[in-house]
C-alpha atoms as a PDB file:
ATOM      1  CA  UNK A   1     142.482   5.191 180.749  1.00  0.00           C
ATOM      2  CA  UNK A   2     140.823   2.335 180.254  1.00  0.00           C
ATOM      3  CA  UNK A   3     139.608   0.650 183.313  1.00  0.00           C
ATOM      4  CA  UNK A   4     141.170  -1.609 184.106  1.00  0.00           C
ATOM      5  CA  UNK A   5     144.236  -0.037 184.565  1.00  0.00           C
ATOM      6  CA  UNK A   6     142.295   2.701 186.298  1.00  0.00           C
ATOM      7  CA  UNK A   7     140.420   0.745 188.682  1.00  0.00           C
ATOM      8  CA  UNK A   8     144.500  -1.068 189.562  1.00  0.00           C
ATOM      9  CA  UNK A   9     145.643   2.666 190.723  1.00  0.00           C
ATOM     10  CA  UNK A  10     142.763   3.626 192.718  1.00  0.00           C
ATOM     11  CA  UNK A  11     143.723   0.547 194.639  1.00  0.00           C
ATOM     12  CA  UNK A  12     147.432   1.158 194.283  1.00  0.00           C
ATOM     13  CA  UNK A  13     147.410   4.567 194.720  1.00  0.00           C
ATOM     14  CA  UNK A  14     149.778   5.280 191.437  1.00  0.00           C
ATOM     15  CA  UNK A  15     150.388   6.555 188.134  1.00  0.00           C
ATOM     16  CA  UNK A  16     152.392   5.019 185.133  1.00  0.00           C
ATOM     17  CA  UNK A  17     154.001   6.649 183.770  1.00  0.00           C
ATOM     18  CA  UNK A  18     154.715   7.535 180.204  1.00  0.00           C
ATOM     19  CA  UNK A  19     158.990   7.211 179.140  1.00  0.00           C
ATOM     20  CA  UNK A  20     160.350   9.034 175.976  1.00  0.00           C
ATOM     21  CA  UNK A  21     160.451   6.177 173.130  1.00  0.00           C
ATOM     22  CA  UNK A  22     157.319   4.680 174.244  1.00  0.00           C
ATOM     23  CA  UNK A  23     154.851   7.826 173.559  1.00  0.00           C
ATOM     24  CA  UNK A  24     152.058   8.105 171.002  1.00  0.00           C
ATOM     25  CA  UNK A  25     153.739  11.324 169.252  1.00  0.00           C
ATOM     26  CA  UNK A  26     156.432   9.865 167.209  1.00  0.00           C
ATOM     27  CA  UNK A  27     158.551  13.652 167.557  1.00  0.00           C
ATOM     28  CA  UNK A  28     157.949  13.757 171.156  1.00  0.00           C
ATOM     29  CA  UNK A  29     161.205  15.238 171.616  1.00  0.00           C
ATOM     30  CA  UNK A  30     161.821  16.909 168.004  1.00  0.00           C
ATOM     31  CA  UNK A  31     160.084  20.416 169.100  1.00  0.00           C
ATOM     32  CA  UNK A  32     163.080  22.128 170.744  1.00  0.00           C
ATOM     33  CA  UNK A  33     166.560  21.319 170.285  1.00  0.00           C
ATOM     34  CA  UNK A  34     169.682  22.792 172.118  1.00  0.00           C
ATOM     35  CA  UNK A  35     172.640  24.543 168.850  1.00  0.00           C
ATOM     36  CA  UNK A  36     175.030  21.997 170.305  1.00  0.00           C
ATOM     37  CA  UNK A  37     177.169  19.174 168.292  1.00  0.00           C
ATOM     38  CA  UNK A  38     175.118  16.219 167.348  1.00  0.00           C
ATOM     39  CA  UNK A  39     177.273  13.312 169.461  1.00  0.00           C
ATOM     40  CA  UNK A  40     176.533  15.908 173.093  1.00  0.00           C
ATOM     41  CA  UNK A  41     172.989  16.571 172.286  1.00  0.00           C
ATOM     42  CA  UNK A  42     171.879  12.614 171.803  1.00  0.00           C
ATOM     43  CA  UNK A  43     174.449  12.045 175.222  1.00  0.00           C
ATOM     44  CA  UNK A  44     172.456  14.260 176.585  1.00  0.00           C
ATOM     45  CA  UNK A  45     169.185  13.683 175.576  1.00  0.00           C
ATOM     46  CA  UNK A  46     169.400   9.863 176.593  1.00  0.00           C
ATOM     47  CA  UNK A  47     170.710  10.388 179.745  1.00  0.00           C
ATOM     48  CA  UNK A  48     167.711  11.951 180.870  1.00  0.00           C
ATOM     49  CA  UNK A  49     165.333   9.657 178.794  1.00  0.00           C
ATOM     50  CA  UNK A  50     167.082   7.436 181.399  1.00  0.00           C
ATOM     51  CA  UNK A  51     166.726   8.600 184.653  1.00  0.00           C
ATOM     52  CA  UNK A  52     163.792  10.670 184.396  1.00  0.00           C
ATOM     53  CA  UNK A  53     160.054   9.984 183.028  1.00  0.00           C
ATOM     54  CA  UNK A  54     156.863  12.273 183.469  1.00  0.00           C
ATOM     55  CA  UNK A  55     153.071  11.801 183.408  1.00  0.00           C
ATOM     56  CA  UNK A  56     150.601  14.088 181.375  1.00  0.00           C
ATOM     57  CA  UNK A  57     147.161  16.025 181.577  1.00  0.00           C
ATOM     58  CA  UNK A  58     144.014  17.068 180.479  1.00  0.00           C
ATOM     59  CA  UNK A  59     142.015  20.228 180.965  1.00  0.00           C
ATOM     60  CA  UNK A  60     139.225  19.461 179.400  1.00  0.00           C
ATOM     61  CA  UNK A  61     137.461  16.880 181.187  1.00  0.00           C
ATOM     62  CA  UNK A  62     134.026  16.078 178.478  1.00  0.00           C
ATOM     63  CA  UNK A  63     136.206  16.062 174.932  1.00  0.00           C
ATOM     64  CA  UNK A  64     134.623  13.725 172.740  1.00  0.00           C
ATOM     65  CA  UNK A  65     138.303  12.607 170.857  1.00  0.00           C
ATOM     66  CA  UNK A  66     140.721  12.569 174.641  1.00  0.00           C
ATOM     67  CA  UNK A  67     138.160   9.998 175.515  1.00  0.00           C
ATOM     68  CA  UNK A  68     138.058   8.183 172.374  1.00  0.00           C
ATOM     69  CA  UNK A  69     141.716   8.310 172.175  1.00  0.00           C
ATOM     70  CA  UNK A  70     143.185   7.553 175.721  1.00  0.00           C
ATOM     71  CA  UNK A  71     140.188   6.444 177.362  1.00  0.00           C
ATOM     72  CA  UNK A  72     139.360   3.335 175.834  1.00  0.00           C
ATOM     73  CA  UNK A  73     136.660   4.857 173.354  1.00  0.00           C
ATOM     74  CA  UNK A  74     134.578   6.385 176.292  1.00  0.00           C
ATOM     75  CA  UNK A  75     134.657   2.839 177.726  1.00  0.00           C
ATOM     76  CA  UNK A  76     137.072   4.151 180.124  1.00  0.00           C
ATOM     77  CA  UNK A  77     138.089   6.156 183.734  1.00  0.00           C
ATOM     78  CA  UNK A  78     139.368   9.944 183.985  1.00  0.00           C
ATOM     79  CA  UNK A  79     141.131  10.856 186.982  1.00  0.00           C
ATOM     80  CA  UNK A  80     141.618  14.476 188.392  1.00  0.00           C
ATOM     81  CA  UNK A  81     144.563  15.435 190.469  1.00  0.00           C
ATOM     82  CA  UNK A  82     144.857  18.490 192.796  1.00  0.00           C
ATOM     83  CA  UNK A  83     149.226  19.113 193.031  1.00  0.00           C
ATOM     84  CA  UNK A  84     151.231  20.706 195.617  1.00  0.00           C
ATOM     85  CA  UNK A  85     154.467  20.092 193.219  1.00  0.00           C
ATOM     86  CA  UNK A  86     156.567  22.748 191.095  1.00  0.00           C
ATOM     87  CA  UNK A  87     157.233  20.134 188.719  1.00  0.00           C
ATOM     88  CA  UNK A  88     153.782  20.100 186.540  1.00  0.00           C
ATOM     89  CA  UNK A  89     153.922  22.704 183.462  1.00  0.00           C
ATOM     90  CA  UNK A  90     151.372  23.524 180.393  1.00  0.00           C
ATOM     91  CA  UNK A  91     152.915  22.593 177.418  1.00  0.00           C
ATOM     92  CA  UNK A  92     153.876  24.953 174.745  1.00  0.00           C
ATOM     93  CA  UNK A  93     153.542  24.683 171.154  1.00  0.00           C
ATOM     94  CA  UNK A  94     155.233  25.137 167.900  1.00  0.00           C
ATOM     95  CA  UNK A  95     154.532  25.009 164.080  1.00  0.00           C
ATOM     96  CA  UNK A  96     157.952  24.528 163.357  1.00  0.00           C
ATOM     97  CA  UNK A  97     161.508  23.421 166.035  1.00  0.00           C
ATOM     98  CA  UNK A  98     162.245  26.062 168.759  1.00  0.00           C
ATOM     99  CA  UNK A  99     166.268  26.475 168.404  1.00  0.00           C
ATOM    100  CA  UNK A 100     168.326  27.814 171.780  1.00  0.00           C
ATOM    101  CA  UNK A 101     171.082  27.941 172.217  1.00  0.00           C
ATOM    102  CA  UNK A 102     172.843  26.530 175.561  1.00  0.00           C
ATOM    103  CA  UNK A 103     174.097  28.778 178.473  1.00  0.00           C
ATOM    104  CA  UNK A 104     177.969  28.057 178.984  1.00  0.00           C
ATOM    105  CA  UNK A 105     177.303  27.523 182.379  1.00  0.00           C
ATOM    106  CA  UNK A 106     175.150  24.582 182.775  1.00  0.00           C
ATOM    107  CA  UNK A 107     177.166  23.491 179.481  1.00  0.00           C
ATOM    108  CA  UNK A 108     180.286  23.094 182.211  1.00  0.00           C
ATOM    109  CA  UNK A 109     178.571  21.857 184.788  1.00  0.00           C
ATOM    110  CA  UNK A 110     176.967  18.572 183.095  1.00  0.00           C
ATOM    111  CA  UNK A 111     179.646  17.749 181.740  1.00  0.00           C
ATOM    112  CA  UNK A 112     181.573  17.918 184.901  1.00  0.00           C
ATOM    113  CA  UNK A 113     179.450  15.800 187.051  1.00  0.00           C
ATOM    114  CA  UNK A 114     178.666  13.563 183.853  1.00  0.00           C
ATOM    115  CA  UNK A 115     182.052  12.847 184.756  1.00  0.00           C
ATOM    116  CA  UNK A 116     180.955  12.532 188.637  1.00  0.00           C
ATOM    117  CA  UNK A 117     178.309  10.247 187.463  1.00  0.00           C
ATOM    118  CA  UNK A 118     180.595   7.825 185.170  1.00  0.00           C
ATOM    119  CA  UNK A 119     183.326   7.742 188.550  1.00  0.00           C
ATOM    120  CA  UNK A 120     180.731   6.610 190.568  1.00  0.00           C
ATOM    121  CA  UNK A 121     180.688   9.299 192.517  1.00  0.00           C
ATOM    122  CA  UNK A 122     178.200  10.976 194.437  1.00  0.00           C
ATOM    123  CA  UNK A 123     176.545  14.462 192.453  1.00  0.00           C
ATOM    124  CA  UNK A 124     174.042  16.508 194.611  1.00  0.00           C
ATOM    125  CA  UNK A 125     173.478  18.833 191.712  1.00  0.00           C
ATOM    126  CA  UNK A 126     172.897  16.585 187.595  1.00  0.00           C
ATOM    127  CA  UNK A 127     169.243  16.493 188.464  1.00  0.00           C
ATOM    128  CA  UNK A 128     169.006  20.520 189.103  1.00  0.00           C
ATOM    129  CA  UNK A 129     171.015  21.270 185.656  1.00  0.00           C
ATOM    130  CA  UNK A 130     169.462  18.239 183.235  1.00  0.00           C
ATOM    131  CA  UNK A 131     166.155  19.131 184.361  1.00  0.00           C
ATOM    132  CA  UNK A 132     167.524  23.264 183.525  1.00  0.00           C
ATOM    133  CA  UNK A 133     168.683  22.168 180.687  1.00  0.00           C
ATOM    134  CA  UNK A 134     165.789  19.609 178.837  1.00  0.00           C
ATOM    135  CA  UNK A 135     162.571  21.504 180.745  1.00  0.00           C
ATOM    136  CA  UNK A 136     161.832  22.730 177.155  1.00  0.00           C
ATOM    137  CA  UNK A 137     161.926  19.599 175.708  1.00  0.00           C
ATOM    138  CA  UNK A 138     159.498  18.375 177.544  1.00  0.00           C
ATOM    139  CA  UNK A 139     156.954  20.830 177.492  1.00  0.00           C
ATOM    140  CA  UNK A 140     157.383  21.928 174.053  1.00  0.00           C
ATOM    141  CA  UNK A 141     155.482  20.012 171.257  1.00  0.00           C
ATOM    142  CA  UNK A 142     154.235  20.598 167.603  1.00  0.00           C
ATOM    143  CA  UNK A 143     151.046  22.302 167.156  1.00  0.00           C
ATOM    144  CA  UNK A 144     149.407  19.065 165.068  1.00  0.00           C
ATOM    145  CA  UNK A 145     148.870  18.418 169.696  1.00  0.00           C
ATOM    146  CA  UNK A 146     147.432  22.118 170.651  1.00  0.00           C
ATOM    147  CA  UNK A 147     143.915  20.340 170.948  1.00  0.00           C
ATOM    148  CA  UNK A 148     144.701  18.626 173.824  1.00  0.00           C
ATOM    149  CA  UNK A 149     145.942  21.904 176.049  1.00  0.00           C
ATOM    150  CA  UNK A 150     148.603  19.347 177.964  1.00  0.00           C
ATOM    151  CA  UNK A 151     149.826  19.529 181.157  1.00  0.00           C
ATOM    152  CA  UNK A 152     153.069  17.417 182.146  1.00  0.00           C
ATOM    153  CA  UNK A 153     155.265  16.774 184.956  1.00  0.00           C
ATOM    154  CA  UNK A 154     157.627  15.233 186.152  1.00  0.00           C
ATOM    155  CA  UNK A 155     157.580  12.254 188.597  1.00  0.00           C
ATOM    156  CA  UNK A 156     160.063   9.827 189.692  1.00  0.00           C
ATOM    157  CA  UNK A 157     159.992   6.099 189.332  1.00  0.00           C
ATOM    158  CA  UNK A 158     158.274   4.553 192.934  1.00  0.00           C
ATOM    159  CA  UNK A 159     158.145   0.438 191.918  1.00  0.00           C
ATOM    160  CA  UNK A 160     158.767  -1.084 188.665  1.00  0.00           C
ATOM    161  CA  UNK A 161     156.138  -3.695 186.990  1.00  0.00           C
ATOM    162  CA  UNK A 162     156.041  -5.990 183.942  1.00  0.00           C
ATOM    163  CA  UNK A 163     158.757  -3.484 182.773  1.00  0.00           C
ATOM    164  CA  UNK A 164     156.423  -0.343 183.203  1.00  0.00           C
ATOM    165  CA  UNK A 165     157.048   2.104 186.389  1.00  0.00           C
ATOM    166  CA  UNK A 166     154.951   4.128 187.538  1.00  0.00           C
ATOM    167  CA  UNK A 167     154.870   6.991 190.294  1.00  0.00           C
ATOM    168  CA  UNK A 168     152.985   6.907 194.427  1.00  0.00           C
ATOM    169  CA  UNK A 169     150.651   9.321 193.779  1.00  0.00           C
ATOM    170  CA  UNK A 170     151.518  11.789 197.261  1.00  0.00           C
ATOM    171  CA  UNK A 171     154.519  11.115 196.532  1.00  0.00           C
ATOM    172  CA  UNK A 172     155.138  12.712 193.862  1.00  0.00           C
ATOM    173  CA  UNK A 173     152.299  16.202 194.741  1.00  0.00           C
ATOM    174  CA  UNK A 174     149.256  14.937 193.278  1.00  0.00           C
ATOM    175  CA  UNK A 175     146.070  14.706 195.060  1.00  0.00           C
ATOM    176  CA  UNK A 176     143.204  12.451 193.896  1.00  0.00           C
ATOM    177  CA  UNK A 177     140.448  15.070 193.495  1.00  0.00           C
ATOM    178  CA  UNK A 178     137.705  12.866 191.490  1.00  0.00           C
ATOM    179  CA  UNK A 179     136.942   9.936 189.731  1.00  0.00           C
ATOM    180  CA  UNK A 180     134.894  10.241 186.225  1.00  0.00           C
ATOM    181  CA  UNK A 181     133.560   7.404 184.615  1.00  0.00           C
ATOM    182  CA  UNK A 182     133.115   7.330 180.424  1.00  0.00           C
ATOM    183  CA  UNK A 183     129.989   7.306 179.407  1.00  0.00           C
ATOM    184  CA  UNK A 184     130.437   3.799 178.562  1.00  0.00           C
ATOM    185  CA  UNK A 185     132.115   2.249 181.228  1.00  0.00           C
ATOM    186  CA  UNK A 186     130.661  -0.686 182.647  1.00  0.00           C
ATOM    187  CA  UNK A 187     132.215   0.251 186.198  1.00  0.00           C
ATOM    188  CA  UNK A 188     129.282   1.137 188.555  1.00  0.00           C
ATOM    189  CA  UNK A 189     130.366   4.329 190.909  1.00  0.00           C
ATOM    190  CA  UNK A 190     129.539   2.258 194.193  1.00  0.00           C
ATOM    191  CA  UNK A 191     132.774  -0.085 193.012  1.00  0.00           C
ATOM    192  CA  UNK A 192     134.517   3.601 192.401  1.00  0.00           C
ATOM    193  CA  UNK A 193     133.556   3.962 196.383  1.00  0.00           C
ATOM    194  CA  UNK A 194     134.788   1.123 197.684  1.00  0.00           C
ATOM    195  CA  UNK A 195     138.603   1.963 196.484  1.00  0.00           C
ATOM    196  CA  UNK A 196     138.617   5.328 197.024  1.00  0.00           C
ATOM    197  CA  UNK A 197     137.771   4.499 201.045  1.00  0.00           C
ATOM    198  CA  UNK A 198     141.079   3.713 202.360  1.00  0.00           C
ATOM    199  CA  UNK A 199     141.983   7.264 200.730  1.00  0.00           C
ATOM    200  CA  UNK A 200     143.322   9.873 203.349  1.00  0.00           C
ATOM    201  CA  UNK A 201     141.227  13.349 201.414  1.00  0.00           C
ATOM    202  CA  UNK A 202     137.761  13.269 203.080  1.00  0.00           C
ATOM    203  CA  UNK A 203     135.801  15.073 199.380  1.00  0.00           C
ATOM    204  CA  UNK A 204     136.884  12.720 196.523  1.00  0.00           C
ATOM    205  CA  UNK A 205     134.270  13.607 193.742  1.00  0.00           C
ATOM    206  CA  UNK A 206     132.529  10.354 192.015  1.00  0.00           C
ATOM    207  CA  UNK A 207     131.214  11.197 189.166  1.00  0.00           C
ATOM    208  CA  UNK A 208     129.882   9.935 185.521  1.00  0.00           C
ATOM    209  CA  UNK A 209     129.960  11.180 181.464  1.00  0.00           C
ATOM    210  CA  UNK A 210     126.305  10.649 180.241  1.00  0.00           C
ATOM    211  CA  UNK A 211     125.704  11.847 176.383  1.00  0.00           C
ATOM    212  CA  UNK A 212     123.853  14.027 174.791  1.00  0.00           C
ATOM    213  CA  UNK A 213     122.253  11.935 172.495  1.00  0.00           C
ATOM    214  CA  UNK A 214     122.279  13.857 168.923  1.00  0.00           C
ATOM    215  CA  UNK A 215     124.994  16.103 170.013  1.00  0.00           C
ATOM    216  CA  UNK A 216     128.464  14.704 171.060  1.00  0.00           C
ATOM    217  CA  UNK A 217     129.499  18.318 171.750  1.00  0.00           C
ATOM    218  CA  UNK A 218     127.526  18.686 174.803  1.00  0.00           C
ATOM    219  CA  UNK A 219     128.349  15.252 176.847  1.00  0.00           C
ATOM    220  CA  UNK A 220     128.110  16.696 180.861  1.00  0.00           C
ATOM    221  CA  UNK A 221     129.094  15.649 183.566  1.00  0.00           C
ATOM    222  CA  UNK A 222     126.628  13.763 185.706  1.00  0.00           C
ATOM    223  CA  UNK A 223     127.031  13.718 189.912  1.00  0.00           C
END
């Protein structure tokens, strides 16, 4: 992410969340489809998109293409985490839309709990039901994005600021493990050290990507 955003997130122990209608994939949520009538399908997705956000991660820290797109052309900062949550999963990539039937039990449960929500009565199982129905939508993408090898995690909206939503690291089972500076990042390791001093975890690694001249495929991480 851009260095200024990363430094702000480090200082506030939080991460900006992705919203389903504001991502760079114009086919988001279209790689998977429940075989249900369009009106019900659209209501189901609208309710889900309104209630939850997600965060995106990648396993390859030295992929130059990823740094170009998401790391402010190498000027940004990458945050690495350990996870203590079952919400994070690998994305499945498909060549065409994956269509699945909707189990009658889940459909009836969703309808019932939707009625409870509309009546403003508390339903403790609504989110679980919707997660069961919509997990495949979130964790399925078209194969054109396969090179990213993305991992995703559902997160709660802990904070809102200027129309953006943020998730607290620890509240969502994310524990900062390392901070990686891009090859063209102007932020110094000392500046990052000052930001992570308040973290209770003792071993947060600070590294910098070092480009090997003449061979952009062989960038390395320097301690």
